[in-house]
Amino acid sequence: MGSGLGSFIVSMLLNSVGFDASHAVQSASSLTGIHLSFIWVPIIIYIISLILMVTYRKWERHEPVVQKELAEREVEAEEA
C-alpha cells in the first residue's frame, strides 16, 4: 500500500509540473518537478520523521511513571 501511495503522489506531482512521458526532452518546469519529487520531497519527509522519532524518545522516558500511575489507578478501581 505504501508503494502504491508513494507512486500516486509522485505521479500527481509530475503531472502538476507538466511532465509528459511521451516527450524525449522535458521542459524546465518538468525537470524542476523531477528534482523536487526525488530529492527535496524525501528530504523533507525524512526531517519530519526524525522530529517525530526524537519526540517519541522523550515520551519513552516517561513510561515508568505512566506504568506506575496506571497500576495505582487499577488498585483504586479494585478497591471501589
PDB file of N, CA and C in Angstrom:
ATOM      1  N   MET A   1       0.826  -1.180   0.000  1.00  0.00           N
ATOM      2  CA  MET A   1       0.000   0.000   0.000  1.00  0.00           C
ATOM      3  C   MET A   1       0.879   1.255   0.000  1.00  0.00           C
ATOM      4  N   GLY A   2       1.951   1.239   0.765  1.00  0.00           N
ATOM      5  CA  GLY A   2       2.844   2.395   0.807  1.00  0.00           C
ATOM      6  C   GLY A   2       3.486   2.667  -0.540  1.00  0.00           C
ATOM      7  N   SER A   3       3.838   1.603  -1.244  1.00  0.00           N
ATOM      8  CA  SER A   3       4.441   1.764  -2.568  1.00  0.00           C
ATOM      9  C   SER A   3       3.443   2.385  -3.538  1.00  0.00           C
ATOM     10  N   GLY A   4       2.224   1.927  -3.486  1.00  0.00           N
ATOM     11  CA  GLY A   4       1.182   2.482  -4.354  1.00  0.00           C
ATOM     12  C   GLY A   4       0.901   3.935  -4.036  1.00  0.00           C
ATOM     13  N   LEU A   5       0.845   4.255  -2.755  1.00  0.00           N
ATOM     14  CA  LEU A   5       0.600   5.637  -2.343  1.00  0.00           C
ATOM     15  C   LEU A   5       1.763   6.531  -2.755  1.00  0.00           C
ATOM     16  N   GLY A   6       2.979   6.049  -2.584  1.00  0.00           N
ATOM     17  CA  GLY A   6       4.150   6.819  -2.994  1.00  0.00           C
ATOM     18  C   GLY A   6       4.165   7.075  -4.493  1.00  0.00           C
ATOM     19  N   SER A   7       3.839   6.046  -5.271  1.00  0.00           N
ATOM     20  CA  SER A   7       3.786   6.203  -6.726  1.00  0.00           C
ATOM     21  C   SER A   7       2.709   7.193  -7.132  1.00  0.00           C
ATOM     22  N   PHE A   8       1.569   7.134  -6.454  1.00  0.00           N
ATOM     23  CA  PHE A   8       0.481   8.061  -6.748  1.00  0.00           C
ATOM     24  C   PHE A   8       0.899   9.503  -6.481  1.00  0.00           C
ATOM     25  N   ILE A   9       1.542   9.735  -5.358  1.00  0.00           N
ATOM     26  CA  ILE A   9       1.967  11.092  -5.001  1.00  0.00           C
ATOM     27  C   ILE A   9       2.979  11.621  -6.010  1.00  0.00           C
ATOM     28  N   VAL A  10       3.945  10.790  -6.387  1.00  0.00           N
ATOM     29  CA  VAL A  10       4.955  11.214  -7.364  1.00  0.00           C
ATOM     30  C   VAL A  10       4.303  11.493  -8.710  1.00  0.00           C
ATOM     31  N   SER A  11       3.397  10.628  -9.150  1.00  0.00           N
ATOM     32  CA  SER A  11       2.750  10.858 -10.447  1.00  0.00           C
ATOM     33  C   SER A  11       1.898  12.119 -10.427  1.00  0.00           C
ATOM     34  N   MET A  12       1.229  12.398  -9.324  1.00  0.00           N
ATOM     35  CA  MET A  12       0.437  13.631  -9.231  1.00  0.00           C
ATOM     36  C   MET A  12       1.349  14.854  -9.256  1.00  0.00           C
ATOM     37  N   LEU A  13       2.480  14.782  -8.574  1.00  0.00           N
ATOM     38  CA  LEU A  13       3.429  15.890  -8.576  1.00  0.00           C
ATOM     39  C   LEU A  13       3.985  16.121  -9.975  1.00  0.00           C
ATOM     40  N   LEU A  14       4.365  15.048 -10.657  1.00  0.00           N
ATOM     41  CA  LEU A  14       4.902  15.184 -12.011  1.00  0.00           C
ATOM     42  C   LEU A  14       3.848  15.701 -12.987  1.00  0.00           C
ATOM     43  N   ASN A  15       2.622  15.239 -12.857  1.00  0.00           N
ATOM     44  CA  ASN A  15       1.553  15.756 -13.716  1.00  0.00           C
ATOM     45  C   ASN A  15       1.308  17.234 -13.461  1.00  0.00           C
ATOM     46  N   SER A  16       1.427  17.651 -12.212  1.00  0.00           N
ATOM     47  CA  SER A  16       1.168  19.058 -11.885  1.00  0.00           C
ATOM     48  C   SER A  16       2.241  19.995 -12.432  1.00  0.00           C
ATOM     49  N   VAL A  17       3.449  19.485 -12.696  1.00  0.00           N
ATOM     50  CA  VAL A  17       4.513  20.337 -13.241  1.00  0.00           C
ATOM     51  C   VAL A  17       4.656  20.182 -14.748  1.00  0.00           C
ATOM     52  N   GLY A  18       3.780  19.401 -15.364  1.00  0.00           N
ATOM     53  CA  GLY A  18       3.777  19.301 -16.821  1.00  0.00           C
ATOM     54  C   GLY A  18       4.643  18.208 -17.408  1.00  0.00           C
ATOM     55  N   PHE A  19       4.977  17.200 -16.633  1.00  0.00           N
ATOM     56  CA  PHE A  19       5.779  16.087 -17.150  1.00  0.00           C
ATOM     57  C   PHE A  19       4.962  15.307 -18.164  1.00  0.00           C
ATOM     58  N   ASP A  20       5.574  15.004 -19.304  1.00  0.00           N
ATOM     59  CA  ASP A  20       4.920  14.199 -20.336  1.00  0.00           C
ATOM     60  C   ASP A  20       5.882  13.093 -20.744  1.00  0.00           C
ATOM     61  N   ALA A  21       5.543  11.861 -20.428  1.00  0.00           N
ATOM     62  CA  ALA A  21       6.436  10.731 -20.683  1.00  0.00           C
ATOM     63  C   ALA A  21       6.669  10.494 -22.166  1.00  0.00           C
ATOM     64  N   SER A  22       5.777  10.994 -23.029  1.00  0.00           N
ATOM     65  CA  SER A  22       5.939  10.761 -24.465  1.00  0.00           C
ATOM     66  C   SER A  22       6.972  11.689 -25.104  1.00  0.00           C
ATOM     67  N   HIS A  23       7.367  12.748 -24.404  1.00  0.00           N
ATOM     68  CA  HIS A  23       8.374  13.664 -24.946  1.00  0.00           C
ATOM     69  C   HIS A  23       9.773  13.173 -24.594  1.00  0.00           C
ATOM     70  N   ALA A  24      10.673  13.250 -25.573  1.00  0.00           N
ATOM     71  CA  ALA A  24      12.058  12.842 -25.332  1.00  0.00           C
ATOM     72  C   ALA A  24      12.787  13.873 -24.484  1.00  0.00           C
ATOM     73  N   VAL A  25      12.440  15.149 -24.660  1.00  0.00           N
ATOM     74  CA  VAL A  25      13.061  16.236 -23.910  1.00  0.00           C
ATOM     75  C   VAL A  25      11.969  16.911 -23.087  1.00  0.00           C
ATOM     76  N   GLN A  26      12.224  17.079 -21.806  1.00  0.00           N
ATOM     77  CA  GLN A  26      11.237  17.666 -20.907  1.00  0.00           C
ATOM     78  C   GLN A  26      11.487  19.161 -20.739  1.00  0.00           C
ATOM     79  N   SER A  27      10.437  19.871 -20.358  1.00  0.00           N
ATOM     80  CA  SER A  27      10.557  21.313 -20.125  1.00  0.00           C
ATOM     81  C   SER A  27      11.317  21.569 -18.826  1.00  0.00           C
ATOM     82  N   ALA A  28      11.710  22.814 -18.638  1.00  0.00           N
ATOM     83  CA  ALA A  28      12.443  23.181 -17.420  1.00  0.00           C
ATOM     84  C   ALA A  28      11.593  22.957 -16.178  1.00  0.00           C
ATOM     85  N   SER A  29      10.292  23.256 -16.265  1.00  0.00           N
ATOM     86  CA  SER A  29       9.424  23.053 -15.099  1.00  0.00           C
ATOM     87  C   SER A  29       9.288  21.566 -14.778  1.00  0.00           C
ATOM     88  N   SER A  30       9.268  20.725 -15.811  1.00  0.00           N
ATOM     89  CA  SER A  30       9.206  19.280 -15.579  1.00  0.00           C
ATOM     90  C   SER A  30      10.470  18.783 -14.897  1.00  0.00           C
ATOM     91  N   LEU A  31      11.608  19.275 -15.356  1.00  0.00           N
ATOM     92  CA  LEU A  31      12.875  18.867 -14.737  1.00  0.00           C
ATOM     93  C   LEU A  31      12.962  19.340 -13.292  1.00  0.00           C
ATOM     94  N   THR A  32      12.442  20.534 -13.022  1.00  0.00           N
ATOM     95  CA  THR A  32      12.394  21.027 -11.645  1.00  0.00           C
ATOM     96  C   THR A  32      11.492  20.133 -10.794  1.00  0.00           C
ATOM     97  N   GLY A  33      10.353  19.732 -11.347  1.00  0.00           N
ATOM     98  CA  GLY A  33       9.443  18.837 -10.635  1.00  0.00           C
ATOM     99  C   GLY A  33      10.070  17.495 -10.335  1.00  0.00           C
ATOM    100  N   ILE A  34      10.820  16.968 -11.297  1.00  0.00           N
ATOM    101  CA  ILE A  34      11.522  15.698 -11.077  1.00  0.00           C
ATOM    102  C   ILE A  34      12.541  15.866  -9.956  1.00  0.00           C
ATOM    103  N   HIS A  35      13.271  16.952 -10.013  1.00  0.00           N
ATOM    104  CA  HIS A  35      14.268  17.244  -8.972  1.00  0.00           C
ATOM    105  C   HIS A  35      13.598  17.335  -7.601  1.00  0.00           C
ATOM    106  N   LEU A  36      12.481  18.037  -7.532  1.00  0.00           N
ATOM    107  CA  LEU A  36      11.758  18.179  -6.262  1.00  0.00           C
ATOM    108  C   LEU A  36      11.243  16.837  -5.755  1.00  0.00           C
ATOM    109  N   SER A  37      10.631  16.065  -6.647  1.00  0.00           N
ATOM    110  CA  SER A  37       9.968  14.843  -6.201  1.00  0.00           C
ATOM    111  C   SER A  37      10.935  13.739  -5.800  1.00  0.00           C
ATOM    112  N   PHE A  38      12.145  13.765  -6.311  1.00  0.00           N
ATOM    113  CA  PHE A  38      13.078  12.688  -5.985  1.00  0.00           C
ATOM    114  C   PHE A  38      14.206  13.109  -5.052  1.00  0.00           C
ATOM    115  N   ILE A  39      14.330  14.397  -4.782  1.00  0.00           N
ATOM    116  CA  ILE A  39      15.379  14.843  -3.864  1.00  0.00           C
ATOM    117  C   ILE A  39      14.779  15.580  -2.676  1.00  0.00           C
ATOM    118  N   TRP A  40      14.082  16.665  -2.916  1.00  0.00           N
ATOM    119  CA  TRP A  40      13.638  17.520  -1.814  1.00  0.00           C
ATOM    120  C   TRP A  40      12.436  16.985  -1.056  1.00  0.00           C
ATOM    121  N   VAL A  41      11.491  16.371  -1.728  1.00  0.00           N
ATOM    122  CA  VAL A  41      10.336  15.809  -1.013  1.00  0.00           C
ATOM    123  C   VAL A  41      10.786  14.710  -0.045  1.00  0.00           C
ATOM    124  N   PRO A  42      11.631  13.753  -0.460  1.00  0.00           N
ATOM    125  CA  PRO A  42      12.106  12.756   0.517  1.00  0.00           C
ATOM    126  C   PRO A  42      12.901  13.369   1.669  1.00  0.00           C
ATOM    127  N   ILE A  43      13.720  14.386   1.378  1.00  0.00           N
ATOM    128  CA  ILE A  43      14.476  15.033   2.453  1.00  0.00           C
ATOM    129  C   ILE A  43      13.529  15.644   3.475  1.00  0.00           C
ATOM    130  N   ILE A  44      12.493  16.318   3.013  1.00  0.00           N
ATOM    131  CA  ILE A  44      11.514  16.930   3.920  1.00  0.00           C
ATOM    132  C   ILE A  44      10.803  15.856   4.737  1.00  0.00           C
ATOM    133  N   ILE A  45      10.428  14.754   4.091  1.00  0.00           N
ATOM    134  CA  ILE A  45       9.753  13.668   4.807  1.00  0.00           C
ATOM    135  C   ILE A  45      10.681  13.047   5.852  1.00  0.00           C
ATOM    136  N   TYR A  46      11.957  12.874   5.518  1.00  0.00           N
ATOM    137  CA  TYR A  46      12.917  12.332   6.487  1.00  0.00           C
ATOM    138  C   TYR A  46      13.090  13.266   7.681  1.00  0.00           C
ATOM    139  N   ILE A  47      13.117  14.562   7.434  1.00  0.00           N
ATOM    140  CA  ILE A  47      13.253  15.527   8.532  1.00  0.00           C
ATOM    141  C   ILE A  47      12.038  15.461   9.450  1.00  0.00           C
ATOM    142  N   ILE A  48      10.845  15.389   8.859  1.00  0.00           N
ATOM    143  CA  ILE A  48       9.623  15.273   9.667  1.00  0.00           C
ATOM    144  C   ILE A  48       9.660  13.979  10.480  1.00  0.00           C
ATOM    145  N   SER A  49      10.087  12.884   9.859  1.00  0.00           N
ATOM    146  CA  SER A  49      10.187  11.603  10.569  1.00  0.00           C
ATOM    147  C   SER A  49      11.186  11.680  11.710  1.00  0.00           C
ATOM    148  N   LEU A  50      12.306  12.343  11.473  1.00  0.00           N
ATOM    149  CA  LEU A  50      13.320  12.498  12.514  1.00  0.00           C
ATOM    150  C   LEU A  50      12.763  13.266  13.708  1.00  0.00           C
ATOM    151  N   ILE A  51      12.039  14.338  13.441  1.00  0.00           N
ATOM    152  CA  ILE A  51      11.433  15.125  14.519  1.00  0.00           C
ATOM    153  C   ILE A  51      10.456  14.263  15.312  1.00  0.00           C
ATOM    154  N   LEU A  52       9.650  13.471  14.620  1.00  0.00           N
ATOM    155  CA  LEU A  52       8.695  12.602  15.309  1.00  0.00           C
ATOM    156  C   LEU A  52       9.405  11.544  16.151  1.00  0.00           C
ATOM    157  N   MET A  53      10.504  10.990  15.640  1.00  0.00           N
ATOM    158  CA  MET A  53      11.237   9.976  16.402  1.00  0.00           C
ATOM    159  C   MET A  53      11.894  10.571  17.637  1.00  0.00           C
ATOM    160  N   VAL A  54      12.429  11.770  17.532  1.00  0.00           N
ATOM    161  CA  VAL A  54      13.043  12.426  18.693  1.00  0.00           C
ATOM    162  C   VAL A  54      11.979  12.693  19.745  1.00  0.00           C
ATOM    163  N   THR A  55      10.811  13.141  19.317  1.00  0.00           N
ATOM    164  CA  THR A  55       9.709  13.390  20.245  1.00  0.00           C
ATOM    165  C   THR A  55       9.271  12.089  20.909  1.00  0.00           C
ATOM    166  N   TYR A  56       9.229  11.003  20.159  1.00  0.00           N
ATOM    167  CA  TYR A  56       8.814   9.717  20.712  1.00  0.00           C
ATOM    168  C   TYR A  56       9.767   9.263  21.810  1.00  0.00           C
ATOM    169  N   ARG A  57      11.041   9.454  21.599  1.00  0.00           N
ATOM    170  CA  ARG A  57      12.005   9.038  22.622  1.00  0.00           C
ATOM    171  C   ARG A  57      11.817   9.819  23.909  1.00  0.00           C
ATOM    172  N   LYS A  58      11.405  11.077  23.816  1.00  0.00           N
ATOM    173  CA  LYS A  58      11.148  11.850  25.029  1.00  0.00           C
ATOM    174  C   LYS A  58       9.989  11.235  25.799  1.00  0.00           C
ATOM    175  N   TRP A  59       8.959  10.789  25.096  1.00  0.00           N
ATOM    176  CA  TRP A  59       7.822  10.167  25.770  1.00  0.00           C
ATOM    177  C   TRP A  59       8.189   8.803  26.319  1.00  0.00           C
ATOM    178  N   GLU A  60       9.120   8.144  25.679  1.00  0.00           N
ATOM    179  CA  GLU A  60       9.551   6.828  26.127  1.00  0.00           C
ATOM    180  C   GLU A  60      10.163   6.894  27.527  1.00  0.00           C
ATOM    181  N   ARG A  61      10.804   7.999  27.855  1.00  0.00           N
ATOM    182  CA  ARG A  61      11.403   8.162  29.184  1.00  0.00           C
ATOM    183  C   ARG A  61      10.344   8.229  30.282  1.00  0.00           C
ATOM    184  N   HIS A  62       9.146   8.655  29.927  1.00  0.00           N
ATOM    185  CA  HIS A  62       8.074   8.798  30.912  1.00  0.00           C
ATOM    186  C   HIS A  62       7.299   7.498  31.126  1.00  0.00           C
ATOM    187  N   GLU A  63       7.647   6.463  30.411  1.00  0.00           N
ATOM    188  CA  GLU A  63       6.896   5.217  30.502  1.00  0.00           C
ATOM    189  C   GLU A  63       6.849   4.643  31.914  1.00  0.00           C
ATOM    190  N   PRO A  64       7.939   4.586  32.678  1.00  0.00           N
ATOM    191  CA  PRO A  64       7.838   4.044  34.035  1.00  0.00           C
ATOM    192  C   PRO A  64       6.848   4.816  34.911  1.00  0.00           C
ATOM    193  N   VAL A  65       6.819   6.130  34.766  1.00  0.00           N
ATOM    194  CA  VAL A  65       5.887   6.947  35.548  1.00  0.00           C
ATOM    195  C   VAL A  65       4.455   6.622  35.148  1.00  0.00           C
ATOM    196  N   VAL A  66       4.211   6.507  33.857  1.00  0.00           N
ATOM    197  CA  VAL A  66       2.870   6.198  33.369  1.00  0.00           C
ATOM    198  C   VAL A  66       2.450   4.811  33.837  1.00  0.00           C
ATOM    199  N   GLN A  67       3.355   3.836  33.778  1.00  0.00           N
ATOM    200  CA  GLN A  67       3.041   2.486  34.235  1.00  0.00           C
ATOM    201  C   GLN A  67       2.677   2.481  35.722  1.00  0.00           C
ATOM    202  N   LYS A  68       3.407   3.262  36.515  1.00  0.00           N
ATOM    203  CA  LYS A  68       3.128   3.347  37.949  1.00  0.00           C
ATOM    204  C   LYS A  68       1.752   3.950  38.186  1.00  0.00           C
ATOM    205  N   GLU A  69       1.436   5.036  37.474  1.00  0.00           N
ATOM    206  CA  GLU A  69       0.130   5.674  37.634  1.00  0.00           C
ATOM    207  C   GLU A  69      -0.999   4.740  37.220  1.00  0.00           C
ATOM    208  N   LEU A  70      -0.796   3.989  36.152  1.00  0.00           N
ATOM    209  CA  LEU A  70      -1.820   3.039  35.721  1.00  0.00           C
ATOM    210  C   LEU A  70      -2.025   1.941  36.759  1.00  0.00           C
ATOM    211  N   ALA A  71      -0.947   1.472  37.356  1.00  0.00           N
ATOM    212  CA  ALA A  71      -1.062   0.447  38.398  1.00  0.00           C
ATOM    213  C   ALA A  71      -1.817   0.998  39.603  1.00  0.00           C
ATOM    214  N   GLU A  72      -1.534   2.262  39.973  1.00  0.00           N
ATOM    215  CA  GLU A  72      -2.240   2.886  41.096  1.00  0.00           C
ATOM    216  C   GLU A  72      -3.723   3.032  40.790  1.00  0.00           C
ATOM    217  N   ARG A  73      -4.050   3.417  39.583  1.00  0.00           N
ATOM    218  CA  ARG A  73      -5.463   3.551  39.200  1.00  0.00           C
ATOM    219  C   ARG A  73      -6.165   2.198  39.235  1.00  0.00           C
ATOM    220  N   GLU A  74      -5.451   1.169  38.816  1.00  0.00           N
ATOM    221  CA  GLU A  74      -6.029  -0.169  38.821  1.00  0.00           C
ATOM    222  C   GLU A  74      -6.340  -0.612  40.243  1.00  0.00           C
ATOM    223  N   VAL A  75      -5.438  -0.327  41.175  1.00  0.00           N
ATOM    224  CA  VAL A  75      -5.660  -0.671  42.579  1.00  0.00           C
ATOM    225  C   VAL A  75      -6.849   0.113  43.120  1.00  0.00           C
ATOM    226  N   GLU A  76      -6.932   1.403  42.794  1.00  0.00           N
ATOM    227  CA  GLU A  76      -8.053   2.234  43.250  1.00  0.00           C
ATOM    228  C   GLU A  76      -9.373   1.723  42.698  1.00  0.00           C
ATOM    229  N   ALA A  77      -9.371   1.275  41.442  1.00  0.00           N
ATOM    230  CA  ALA A  77     -10.596   0.768  40.827  1.00  0.00           C
ATOM    231  C   ALA A  77     -11.039  -0.533  41.485  1.00  0.00           C
ATOM    232  N   GLU A  78     -10.087  -1.368  41.886  1.00  0.00           N
ATOM    233  CA  GLU A  78     -10.428  -2.623  42.552  1.00  0.00           C
ATOM    234  C   GLU A  78     -10.978  -2.372  43.948  1.00  0.00           C
ATOM    235  N   GLU A  79     -10.496  -1.325  44.615  1.00  0.00           N
ATOM    236  CA  GLU A  79     -10.958  -1.006  45.964  1.00  0.00           C
ATOM    237  C   GLU A  79     -12.352  -0.391  45.956  1.00  0.00           C
ATOM    238  N   ALA A  80     -12.705   0.271  44.872  1.00  0.00           N
ATOM    239  CA  ALA A  80     -14.007   0.961  44.809  1.00  0.00           C
ATOM    240  C   ALA A  80     -15.144   0.021  44.524  1.00  0.00           C
TER     241      ALA A  80
END
